[in-house]
C-alpha cells in the first residue's frame, strides 16, 4: 500500500501509557503517511499516569514508528505538554533529526507558526496542579468505562457514544473554557505578529480564523485534537491545513511482518528498550 505524502503532520494528546490511548489506530495512521515533518505537540507519553504494569506492545510500536521517522532523517519535533512536563528540564535536546522543545516557531511557506501545547493557558494547571492531576485520573476512568459501554453497544449493533463529549456539551463552563482558550491563544499570537497558532491540550480539534479582542488583526487558530476520543491530527499539504479524522473503514489490519522488520531495523540502529528504561528512570 502506497504511503500518502504529507508536508507537515501535527498530533497531540496521545497519552501513551494509559487505558484510553488508541495506540493501534494511531499506529495505522502513522504507517499510512510519509510526512516531511512530524510535530508531536505535547502529552504524547502520559508521565502523570505512567505505570510499569501497563505498557502494551501497541504503545511500544508507536514509539518505534516515531523513531523510524527519526532514523529516516524526517524532522521530528517533540513539544512538551502538562502530562509529560517532566521532559521540560531536557528542552533543547537534539538527537539527529529529533528535537525536544517546549515550544517552536516555524516559517511555513512564508507564514510564521507559533506551536506549543497550550497548558500555560489552563488556570487549573497554574494554581491547582493536584486538582488537574485528580481530574486526569477521573477522565481516564471515564474513558475506560466508555470503552466497555461502546463494546456492548457494538455487540447490540448500536452506535457508539462519547461520555466526555456529552459532559462537555451539557456544561456551559466547558464550552466557555474552550472559547477562552482559543481567544487567549489568538490574542497573544496577533500581538506577536504570527499568522498561525497551533495548540493541543483541550482535546478539541479546530481550524478557524479568529480575530483579536483588543486590537486589529486575526490569526488562523489550529488545534490537533487527541488520540483518546476524537482520533484527529492536523495535516498541511499544498499550502492548506486540514483536520484528519481516523476512520477504521479506510485502514487494513495490522501488518505484523512490517512491525517485526521495523523493530529489527531500529534495534540495529539504537537500543529502543534501553532508551525507554532510561526514560522511565529519569522521569521518576
C-alpha atoms as a PDB file:
ATOM      1  CA  UNK A   1       0.000   0.000   0.000  1.00  0.00           C
ATOM      2  CA  UNK A   2       1.476   3.335  -1.106  1.00  0.00           C
ATOM      3  CA  UNK A   3       2.042   5.822   1.693  1.00  0.00           C
ATOM      4  CA  UNK A   4       0.318   9.195   1.488  1.00  0.00           C
ATOM      5  CA  UNK A   5       2.788  12.076   1.276  1.00  0.00           C
ATOM      6  CA  UNK A   6       2.088  14.990   3.653  1.00  0.00           C
ATOM      7  CA  UNK A   7       4.191  18.128   4.135  1.00  0.00           C
ATOM      8  CA  UNK A   8       3.526  18.526   7.885  1.00  0.00           C
ATOM      9  CA  UNK A   9       1.662  16.364  10.401  1.00  0.00           C
ATOM     10  CA  UNK A  10       0.760  17.601  13.897  1.00  0.00           C
ATOM     11  CA  UNK A  11      -0.533  15.211  16.550  1.00  0.00           C
ATOM     12  CA  UNK A  12      -1.025  15.773  20.272  1.00  0.00           C
ATOM     13  CA  UNK A  13      -2.585  14.273  23.389  1.00  0.00           C
ATOM     14  CA  UNK A  14      -1.853  10.647  22.563  1.00  0.00           C
ATOM     15  CA  UNK A  15      -1.432   9.696  26.247  1.00  0.00           C
ATOM     16  CA  UNK A  16       0.672   6.587  25.693  1.00  0.00           C
ATOM     17  CA  UNK A  17       0.719   4.516  28.862  1.00  0.00           C
ATOM     18  CA  UNK A  18      -2.984   4.982  29.679  1.00  0.00           C
ATOM     19  CA  UNK A  19      -6.009   2.785  29.023  1.00  0.00           C
ATOM     20  CA  UNK A  20      -7.730   5.481  26.974  1.00  0.00           C
ATOM     21  CA  UNK A  21      -4.965   5.735  24.364  1.00  0.00           C
ATOM     22  CA  UNK A  22      -5.903   4.481  20.880  1.00  0.00           C
ATOM     23  CA  UNK A  23      -2.372   3.368  20.031  1.00  0.00           C
ATOM     24  CA  UNK A  24      -3.412   0.751  17.452  1.00  0.00           C
ATOM     25  CA  UNK A  25      -5.380   3.318  15.482  1.00  0.00           C
ATOM     26  CA  UNK A  26      -2.571   5.868  15.692  1.00  0.00           C
ATOM     27  CA  UNK A  27      -0.082   3.247  14.528  1.00  0.00           C
ATOM     28  CA  UNK A  28      -2.184   2.505  11.448  1.00  0.00           C
ATOM     29  CA  UNK A  29      -2.323   6.219  10.672  1.00  0.00           C
ATOM     30  CA  UNK A  30       1.435   6.699  11.105  1.00  0.00           C
ATOM     31  CA  UNK A  31       2.098   3.697   8.859  1.00  0.00           C
ATOM     32  CA  UNK A  32      -0.110   5.183   6.144  1.00  0.00           C
ATOM     33  CA  UNK A  33       1.737   8.502   5.785  1.00  0.00           C
ATOM     34  CA  UNK A  34       5.102   9.765   4.601  1.00  0.00           C
ATOM     35  CA  UNK A  35       5.483  13.164   6.291  1.00  0.00           C
ATOM     36  CA  UNK A  36       8.186  15.694   5.505  1.00  0.00           C
ATOM     37  CA  UNK A  37       7.890  16.907   9.109  1.00  0.00           C
ATOM     38  CA  UNK A  38       6.214  15.480  12.229  1.00  0.00           C
ATOM     39  CA  UNK A  39       5.262  17.668  15.193  1.00  0.00           C
ATOM     40  CA  UNK A  40       4.305  15.926  18.446  1.00  0.00           C
ATOM     41  CA  UNK A  41       2.552  18.712  20.320  1.00  0.00           C
ATOM     42  CA  UNK A  42       2.531  17.528  23.925  1.00  0.00           C
ATOM     43  CA  UNK A  43       1.058  14.780  26.113  1.00  0.00           C
ATOM     44  CA  UNK A  44       2.415  12.050  23.857  1.00  0.00           C
ATOM     45  CA  UNK A  45       3.575   9.903  26.799  1.00  0.00           C
ATOM     46  CA  UNK A  46       1.402  10.355  29.874  1.00  0.00           C
ATOM     47  CA  UNK A  47       4.008  10.529  32.638  1.00  0.00           C
ATOM     48  CA  UNK A  48       1.375  11.661  35.173  1.00  0.00           C
ATOM     49  CA  UNK A  49      -0.325   8.254  34.980  1.00  0.00           C
ATOM     50  CA  UNK A  50       2.595   6.189  33.710  1.00  0.00           C
ATOM     51  CA  UNK A  51       2.632   2.665  35.128  1.00  0.00           C
ATOM     52  CA  UNK A  52       5.189  -0.078  34.572  1.00  0.00           C
ATOM     53  CA  UNK A  53       2.315  -2.555  34.695  1.00  0.00           C
ATOM     54  CA  UNK A  54       0.608  -1.011  31.665  1.00  0.00           C
ATOM     55  CA  UNK A  55       2.694  -0.545  28.550  1.00  0.00           C
ATOM     56  CA  UNK A  56       1.118  -2.678  25.783  1.00  0.00           C
ATOM     57  CA  UNK A  57       3.053  -3.708  22.695  1.00  0.00           C
ATOM     58  CA  UNK A  58       0.915  -1.359  20.586  1.00  0.00           C
ATOM     59  CA  UNK A  59       2.238   1.591  22.602  1.00  0.00           C
ATOM     60  CA  UNK A  60       5.798   0.411  22.021  1.00  0.00           C
ATOM     61  CA  UNK A  61       5.082   0.107  18.301  1.00  0.00           C
ATOM     62  CA  UNK A  62       4.009   3.757  18.185  1.00  0.00           C
ATOM     63  CA  UNK A  63       7.332   4.760  19.780  1.00  0.00           C
ATOM     64  CA  UNK A  64       9.193   2.595  17.263  1.00  0.00           C
ATOM     65  CA  UNK A  65       7.308   4.131  14.347  1.00  0.00           C
ATOM     66  CA  UNK A  66       8.183   7.654  15.521  1.00  0.00           C
ATOM     67  CA  UNK A  67      11.822   6.643  15.964  1.00  0.00           C
ATOM     68  CA  UNK A  68      11.730   5.160  12.463  1.00  0.00           C
ATOM     69  CA  UNK A  69      10.868   8.619  11.115  1.00  0.00           C
ATOM     70  CA  UNK A  70      13.874   9.968  13.033  1.00  0.00           C
ATOM     71  CA  UNK A  71      16.261   7.347  11.592  1.00  0.00           C
ATOM     72  CA  UNK A  72      14.947   8.217   8.107  1.00  0.00           C
ATOM     73  CA  UNK A  73      16.021  11.820   8.665  1.00  0.00           C
ATOM     74  CA  UNK A  74      12.492  13.231   8.887  1.00  0.00           C
ATOM     75  CA  UNK A  75      12.424  16.270  11.240  1.00  0.00           C
ATOM     76  CA  UNK A  76      10.502  15.313  14.385  1.00  0.00           C
ATOM     77  CA  UNK A  77       9.685  17.973  16.990  1.00  0.00           C
ATOM     78  CA  UNK A  78       8.563  16.760  20.411  1.00  0.00           C
ATOM     79  CA  UNK A  79       6.944  19.702  22.227  1.00  0.00           C
ATOM     80  CA  UNK A  80       6.270  19.138  25.909  1.00  0.00           C
ATOM     81  CA  UNK A  81       2.812  19.279  27.482  1.00  0.00           C
ATOM     82  CA  UNK A  82       1.488  19.089  31.034  1.00  0.00           C
ATOM     83  CA  UNK A  83       1.254  15.288  31.187  1.00  0.00           C
ATOM     84  CA  UNK A  84       4.865  14.997  30.015  1.00  0.00           C
ATOM     85  CA  UNK A  85       6.085  18.173  31.728  1.00  0.00           C
ATOM     86  CA  UNK A  86       8.971  16.278  33.370  1.00  0.00           C
ATOM     87  CA  UNK A  87      10.646  16.389  29.954  1.00  0.00           C
ATOM     88  CA  UNK A  88      10.800  20.191  30.125  1.00  0.00           C
ATOM     89  CA  UNK A  89      14.081  20.049  32.000  1.00  0.00           C
ATOM     90  CA  UNK A  90      15.555  18.355  28.901  1.00  0.00           C
ATOM     91  CA  UNK A  91      14.263  21.023  26.463  1.00  0.00           C
ATOM     92  CA  UNK A  92      16.667  21.968  23.659  1.00  0.00           C
ATOM     93  CA  UNK A  93      17.837  18.350  23.442  1.00  0.00           C
ATOM     94  CA  UNK A  94      18.665  17.257  19.872  1.00  0.00           C
ATOM     95  CA  UNK A  95      19.290  13.761  18.539  1.00  0.00           C
ATOM     96  CA  UNK A  96      19.769  13.747  14.795  1.00  0.00           C
ATOM     97  CA  UNK A  97      16.518  14.966  13.276  1.00  0.00           C
ATOM     98  CA  UNK A  98      14.752  14.712  16.661  1.00  0.00           C
ATOM     99  CA  UNK A  99      14.315  17.934  18.651  1.00  0.00           C
ATOM    100  CA  UNK A 100      12.799  18.259  22.120  1.00  0.00           C
ATOM    101  CA  UNK A 101      11.342  21.706  22.773  1.00  0.00           C
ATOM    102  CA  UNK A 102       8.759  23.459  24.958  1.00  0.00           C
ATOM    103  CA  UNK A 103       7.545  25.490  22.001  1.00  0.00           C
ATOM    104  CA  UNK A 104       8.689  26.295  18.491  1.00  0.00           C
ATOM    105  CA  UNK A 105       8.202  28.995  15.858  1.00  0.00           C
ATOM    106  CA  UNK A 106       8.397  27.762  12.262  1.00  0.00           C
ATOM    107  CA  UNK A 107       8.134  29.616   8.972  1.00  0.00           C
ATOM    108  CA  UNK A 108       5.727  27.683   6.763  1.00  0.00           C
ATOM    109  CA  UNK A 109       5.502  28.953   3.188  1.00  0.00           C
ATOM    110  CA  UNK A 110       6.373  32.466   4.322  1.00  0.00           C
ATOM    111  CA  UNK A 111       3.977  32.484   7.301  1.00  0.00           C
ATOM    112  CA  UNK A 112       5.079  32.247  10.928  1.00  0.00           C
ATOM    113  CA  UNK A 113       3.527  29.484  13.011  1.00  0.00           C
ATOM    114  CA  UNK A 114       3.656  29.577  16.812  1.00  0.00           C
ATOM    115  CA  UNK A 115       3.347  25.990  18.049  1.00  0.00           C
ATOM    116  CA  UNK A 116       3.004  24.889  21.689  1.00  0.00           C
ATOM    117  CA  UNK A 117       0.836  22.554  23.758  1.00  0.00           C
ATOM    118  CA  UNK A 118      -1.334  25.185  25.449  1.00  0.00           C
ATOM    119  CA  UNK A 119      -1.473  24.111  29.108  1.00  0.00           C
ATOM    120  CA  UNK A 120       0.025  27.507  30.026  1.00  0.00           C
ATOM    121  CA  UNK A 121      -3.492  28.948  29.489  1.00  0.00           C
ATOM    122  CA  UNK A 122      -5.109  26.472  31.884  1.00  0.00           C
ATOM    123  CA  UNK A 123      -5.771  28.185  35.240  1.00  0.00           C
ATOM    124  CA  UNK A 124      -6.173  24.824  36.988  1.00  0.00           C
ATOM    125  CA  UNK A 125      -2.712  23.804  35.787  1.00  0.00           C
ATOM    126  CA  UNK A 126      -1.146  27.023  37.049  1.00  0.00           C
ATOM    127  CA  UNK A 127      -2.715  27.194  40.509  1.00  0.00           C
ATOM    128  CA  UNK A 128      -4.129  23.765  41.427  1.00  0.00           C
ATOM    129  CA  UNK A 129      -1.972  21.129  39.767  1.00  0.00           C
ATOM    130  CA  UNK A 130      -3.138  18.458  42.230  1.00  0.00           C
ATOM    131  CA  UNK A 131      -6.725  19.125  41.093  1.00  0.00           C
ATOM    132  CA  UNK A 132      -5.687  18.850  37.452  1.00  0.00           C
ATOM    133  CA  UNK A 133      -3.993  15.509  38.156  1.00  0.00           C
ATOM    134  CA  UNK A 134      -7.054  14.258  40.008  1.00  0.00           C
ATOM    135  CA  UNK A 135      -9.178  15.309  37.053  1.00  0.00           C
ATOM    136  CA  UNK A 136      -6.856  13.417  34.705  1.00  0.00           C
ATOM    137  CA  UNK A 137      -7.381  10.205  36.692  1.00  0.00           C
ATOM    138  CA  UNK A 138     -11.138  10.762  36.616  1.00  0.00           C
ATOM    139  CA  UNK A 139     -11.037  11.410  32.878  1.00  0.00           C
ATOM    140  CA  UNK A 140      -9.060   8.230  32.242  1.00  0.00           C
ATOM    141  CA  UNK A 141     -11.556   6.249  34.340  1.00  0.00           C
ATOM    142  CA  UNK A 142     -14.447   7.752  32.369  1.00  0.00           C
ATOM    143  CA  UNK A 143     -12.776   6.783  29.088  1.00  0.00           C
ATOM    144  CA  UNK A 144     -12.215   3.229  30.355  1.00  0.00           C
ATOM    145  CA  UNK A 145     -15.882   2.911  31.358  1.00  0.00           C
ATOM    146  CA  UNK A 146     -16.859   4.375  27.995  1.00  0.00           C
ATOM    147  CA  UNK A 147     -14.863   1.704  26.139  1.00  0.00           C
ATOM    148  CA  UNK A 148     -16.783  -1.080  27.926  1.00  0.00           C
ATOM    149  CA  UNK A 149     -20.127   0.552  27.133  1.00  0.00           C
ATOM    150  CA  UNK A 150     -19.158   1.007  23.471  1.00  0.00           C
ATOM    151  CA  UNK A 151     -18.074  -2.634  23.286  1.00  0.00           C
ATOM    152  CA  UNK A 152     -21.528  -3.648  24.480  1.00  0.00           C
ATOM    153  CA  UNK A 153     -23.255  -1.205  22.095  1.00  0.00           C
ATOM    154  CA  UNK A 154     -21.268  -2.662  19.186  1.00  0.00           C
ATOM    155  CA  UNK A 155     -22.482  -6.171  20.069  1.00  0.00           C
ATOM    156  CA  UNK A 156     -26.048  -4.838  20.022  1.00  0.00           C
ATOM    157  CA  UNK A 157     -25.418  -3.203  16.656  1.00  0.00           C
ATOM    158  CA  UNK A 158     -25.950   0.291  18.019  1.00  0.00           C
ATOM    159  CA  UNK A 159     -23.934   3.473  17.500  1.00  0.00           C
ATOM    160  CA  UNK A 160     -21.061   4.240  19.869  1.00  0.00           C
ATOM    161  CA  UNK A 161     -21.237   7.217  22.220  1.00  0.00           C
ATOM    162  CA  UNK A 162     -18.740   9.506  23.928  1.00  0.00           C
ATOM    163  CA  UNK A 163     -19.350  10.173  27.630  1.00  0.00           C
ATOM    164  CA  UNK A 164     -16.924  13.072  27.872  1.00  0.00           C
ATOM    165  CA  UNK A 165     -18.262  14.765  24.728  1.00  0.00           C
ATOM    166  CA  UNK A 166     -21.753  14.627  26.228  1.00  0.00           C
ATOM    167  CA  UNK A 167     -20.441  16.060  29.506  1.00  0.00           C
ATOM    168  CA  UNK A 168     -18.637  18.873  27.681  1.00  0.00           C
ATOM    169  CA  UNK A 169     -21.724  19.625  25.611  1.00  0.00           C
ATOM    170  CA  UNK A 170     -24.025  19.913  28.641  1.00  0.00           C
ATOM    171  CA  UNK A 171     -21.806  22.068  30.818  1.00  0.00           C
ATOM    172  CA  UNK A 172     -21.579  25.675  29.720  1.00  0.00           C
ATOM    173  CA  UNK A 173     -18.331  26.119  31.684  1.00  0.00           C
ATOM    174  CA  UNK A 174     -16.595  23.544  29.470  1.00  0.00           C
ATOM    175  CA  UNK A 175     -17.657  25.345  26.293  1.00  0.00           C
ATOM    176  CA  UNK A 176     -16.691  28.675  27.860  1.00  0.00           C
ATOM    177  CA  UNK A 177     -13.238  27.319  28.761  1.00  0.00           C
ATOM    178  CA  UNK A 178     -12.618  26.153  25.174  1.00  0.00           C
ATOM    179  CA  UNK A 179     -13.690  29.532  23.782  1.00  0.00           C
ATOM    180  CA  UNK A 180     -11.483  31.428  26.245  1.00  0.00           C
ATOM    181  CA  UNK A 181      -8.551  29.137  25.467  1.00  0.00           C
ATOM    182  CA  UNK A 182      -8.875  29.781  21.735  1.00  0.00           C
ATOM    183  CA  UNK A 183      -9.296  33.539  22.192  1.00  0.00           C
ATOM    184  CA  UNK A 184      -6.313  33.835  24.551  1.00  0.00           C
ATOM    185  CA  UNK A 185      -4.078  31.949  22.111  1.00  0.00           C
ATOM    186  CA  UNK A 186      -5.313  34.201  19.295  1.00  0.00           C
ATOM    187  CA  UNK A 187      -4.752  37.474  21.154  1.00  0.00           C
ATOM    188  CA  UNK A 188      -1.159  36.551  22.037  1.00  0.00           C
ATOM    189  CA  UNK A 189      -0.425  35.323  18.501  1.00  0.00           C
ATOM    190  CA  UNK A 190      -1.725  38.570  16.968  1.00  0.00           C
ATOM    191  CA  UNK A 191       0.358  40.553  19.454  1.00  0.00           C
ATOM    192  CA  UNK A 192       3.458  38.601  18.367  1.00  0.00           C
ATOM    193  CA  UNK A 193       2.596  39.042  14.646  1.00  0.00           C
ATOM    194  CA  UNK A 194       2.203  35.321  13.937  1.00  0.00           C
ATOM    195  CA  UNK A 195      -0.101  34.062  11.194  1.00  0.00           C
ATOM    196  CA  UNK A 196      -0.767  30.625  12.732  1.00  0.00           C
ATOM    197  CA  UNK A 197      -1.146  29.477  16.323  1.00  0.00           C
ATOM    198  CA  UNK A 198      -1.172  25.692  16.759  1.00  0.00           C
ATOM    199  CA  UNK A 199      -2.136  24.059  20.072  1.00  0.00           C
ATOM    200  CA  UNK A 200      -3.334  20.828  21.645  1.00  0.00           C
ATOM    201  CA  UNK A 201      -4.313  20.255  25.298  1.00  0.00           C
ATOM    202  CA  UNK A 202      -8.110  20.716  25.163  1.00  0.00           C
ATOM    203  CA  UNK A 203      -8.843  17.568  23.083  1.00  0.00           C
ATOM    204  CA  UNK A 204     -10.900  19.615  20.631  1.00  0.00           C
ATOM    205  CA  UNK A 205      -9.722  19.758  17.004  1.00  0.00           C
ATOM    206  CA  UNK A 206     -10.313  23.029  15.205  1.00  0.00           C
ATOM    207  CA  UNK A 207      -9.244  25.178  12.256  1.00  0.00           C
ATOM    208  CA  UNK A 208     -10.717  28.655  12.477  1.00  0.00           C
ATOM    209  CA  UNK A 209      -9.801  32.255  11.689  1.00  0.00           C
ATOM    210  CA  UNK A 210     -10.177  34.191  14.945  1.00  0.00           C
ATOM    211  CA  UNK A 211      -9.970  37.962  15.402  1.00  0.00           C
ATOM    212  CA  UNK A 212      -8.151  39.567  18.322  1.00  0.00           C
ATOM    213  CA  UNK A 213     -10.294  41.154  21.030  1.00  0.00           C
ATOM    214  CA  UNK A 214      -8.303  44.311  21.761  1.00  0.00           C
ATOM    215  CA  UNK A 215      -6.519  45.177  18.509  1.00  0.00           C
ATOM    216  CA  UNK A 216      -6.880  44.824  14.733  1.00  0.00           C
ATOM    217  CA  UNK A 217      -5.793  41.545  13.236  1.00  0.00           C
ATOM    218  CA  UNK A 218      -6.526  37.834  13.239  1.00  0.00           C
ATOM    219  CA  UNK A 219      -4.740  34.501  13.058  1.00  0.00           C
ATOM    220  CA  UNK A 220      -5.593  31.042  11.875  1.00  0.00           C
ATOM    221  CA  UNK A 221      -6.094  29.074  15.101  1.00  0.00           C
ATOM    222  CA  UNK A 222      -5.469  25.326  14.799  1.00  0.00           C
ATOM    223  CA  UNK A 223      -5.845  22.514  17.310  1.00  0.00           C
ATOM    224  CA  UNK A 224      -4.849  18.918  16.601  1.00  0.00           C
ATOM    225  CA  UNK A 225      -7.401  17.305  18.936  1.00  0.00           C
ATOM    226  CA  UNK A 226      -6.358  13.992  20.516  1.00  0.00           C
ATOM    227  CA  UNK A 227      -5.944  10.215  20.171  1.00  0.00           C
ATOM    228  CA  UNK A 228      -8.096   9.309  23.145  1.00  0.00           C
ATOM    229  CA  UNK A 229     -11.537  10.222  21.818  1.00  0.00           C
ATOM    230  CA  UNK A 230     -11.609  12.207  18.590  1.00  0.00           C
ATOM    231  CA  UNK A 231      -8.595  10.478  16.929  1.00  0.00           C
ATOM    232  CA  UNK A 232      -7.576  13.512  14.899  1.00  0.00           C
ATOM    233  CA  UNK A 233      -4.448  15.153  13.507  1.00  0.00           C
ATOM    234  CA  UNK A 234      -3.585  18.319  11.630  1.00  0.00           C
ATOM    235  CA  UNK A 235      -2.165  17.952   8.148  1.00  0.00           C
ATOM    236  CA  UNK A 236      -0.541  20.627   5.976  1.00  0.00           C
ATOM    237  CA  UNK A 237      -0.238  19.949   2.275  1.00  0.00           C
ATOM    238  CA  UNK A 238      -0.160  22.148  -0.831  1.00  0.00           C
ATOM    239  CA  UNK A 239      -0.314  25.287   1.359  1.00  0.00           C
ATOM    240  CA  UNK A 240      -3.534  24.135   3.014  1.00  0.00           C
ATOM    241  CA  UNK A 241      -4.373  22.942   6.549  1.00  0.00           C
ATOM    242  CA  UNK A 242      -6.919  20.167   7.117  1.00  0.00           C
ATOM    243  CA  UNK A 243      -8.100  18.045  10.061  1.00  0.00           C
ATOM    244  CA  UNK A 244      -7.549  14.325   9.585  1.00  0.00           C
ATOM    245  CA  UNK A 245     -10.210  12.200  11.291  1.00  0.00           C
ATOM    246  CA  UNK A 246      -9.453   8.495  11.745  1.00  0.00           C
ATOM    247  CA  UNK A 247     -11.998   6.164  10.121  1.00  0.00           C
ATOM    248  CA  UNK A 248     -11.387   2.420  10.622  1.00  0.00           C
ATOM    249  CA  UNK A 249     -13.053   1.677   7.277  1.00  0.00           C
ATOM    250  CA  UNK A 250     -10.116   3.317   5.498  1.00  0.00           C
ATOM    251  CA  UNK A 251      -7.452   1.123   7.097  1.00  0.00           C
ATOM    252  CA  UNK A 252      -6.471  -2.510   6.758  1.00  0.00           C
ATOM    253  CA  UNK A 253      -5.496  -4.793   9.622  1.00  0.00           C
ATOM    254  CA  UNK A 254      -2.047  -4.516  11.213  1.00  0.00           C
ATOM    255  CA  UNK A 255       0.934  -5.770   9.251  1.00  0.00           C
ATOM    256  CA  UNK A 256       2.806  -7.808  11.860  1.00  0.00           C
ATOM    257  CA  UNK A 257       5.628  -8.600   9.431  1.00  0.00           C
ATOM    258  CA  UNK A 258       6.233  -4.895   8.819  1.00  0.00           C
ATOM    259  CA  UNK A 259       6.257  -4.288  12.596  1.00  0.00           C
ATOM    260  CA  UNK A 260       8.835  -7.042  13.050  1.00  0.00           C
ATOM    261  CA  UNK A 261      11.030  -5.531  10.330  1.00  0.00           C
ATOM    262  CA  UNK A 262      10.712  -2.073  11.890  1.00  0.00           C
ATOM    263  CA  UNK A 263      11.758  -3.435  15.282  1.00  0.00           C
ATOM    264  CA  UNK A 264      14.769  -5.256  13.821  1.00  0.00           C
ATOM    265  CA  UNK A 265      15.853  -2.170  11.850  1.00  0.00           C
ATOM    266  CA  UNK A 266      15.569   0.072  14.894  1.00  0.00           C
ATOM    267  CA  UNK A 267      17.294  -2.388  17.211  1.00  0.00           C
ATOM    268  CA  UNK A 268      20.184  -2.425  14.759  1.00  0.00           C
ATOM    269  CA  UNK A 269      20.435   1.377  14.968  1.00  0.00           C
ATOM    270  CA  UNK A 270      19.524   2.025  18.590  1.00  0.00           C
ATOM    271  CA  UNK A 271      18.558   0.021  21.685  1.00  0.00           C
ATOM    272  CA  UNK A 272      14.908   1.115  21.902  1.00  0.00           C
ATOM    273  CA  UNK A 273      14.022  -0.765  25.071  1.00  0.00           C
ATOM    274  CA  UNK A 274      17.116   0.504  26.857  1.00  0.00           C
ATOM    275  CA  UNK A 275      16.234   4.069  25.850  1.00  0.00           C
ATOM    276  CA  UNK A 276      12.720   3.588  27.234  1.00  0.00           C
ATOM    277  CA  UNK A 277      14.032   2.195  30.523  1.00  0.00           C
ATOM    278  CA  UNK A 278      16.400   5.141  30.856  1.00  0.00           C
ATOM    279  CA  UNK A 279      13.487   7.469  30.147  1.00  0.00           C
ATOM    280  CA  UNK A 280      11.443   5.848  32.929  1.00  0.00           C
ATOM    281  CA  UNK A 281      14.331   6.215  35.406  1.00  0.00           C
ATOM    282  CA  UNK A 282      14.934   9.863  34.501  1.00  0.00           C
ATOM    283  CA  UNK A 283      11.281  10.817  34.947  1.00  0.00           C
ATOM    284  CA  UNK A 284      10.564   9.052  38.243  1.00  0.00           C
END
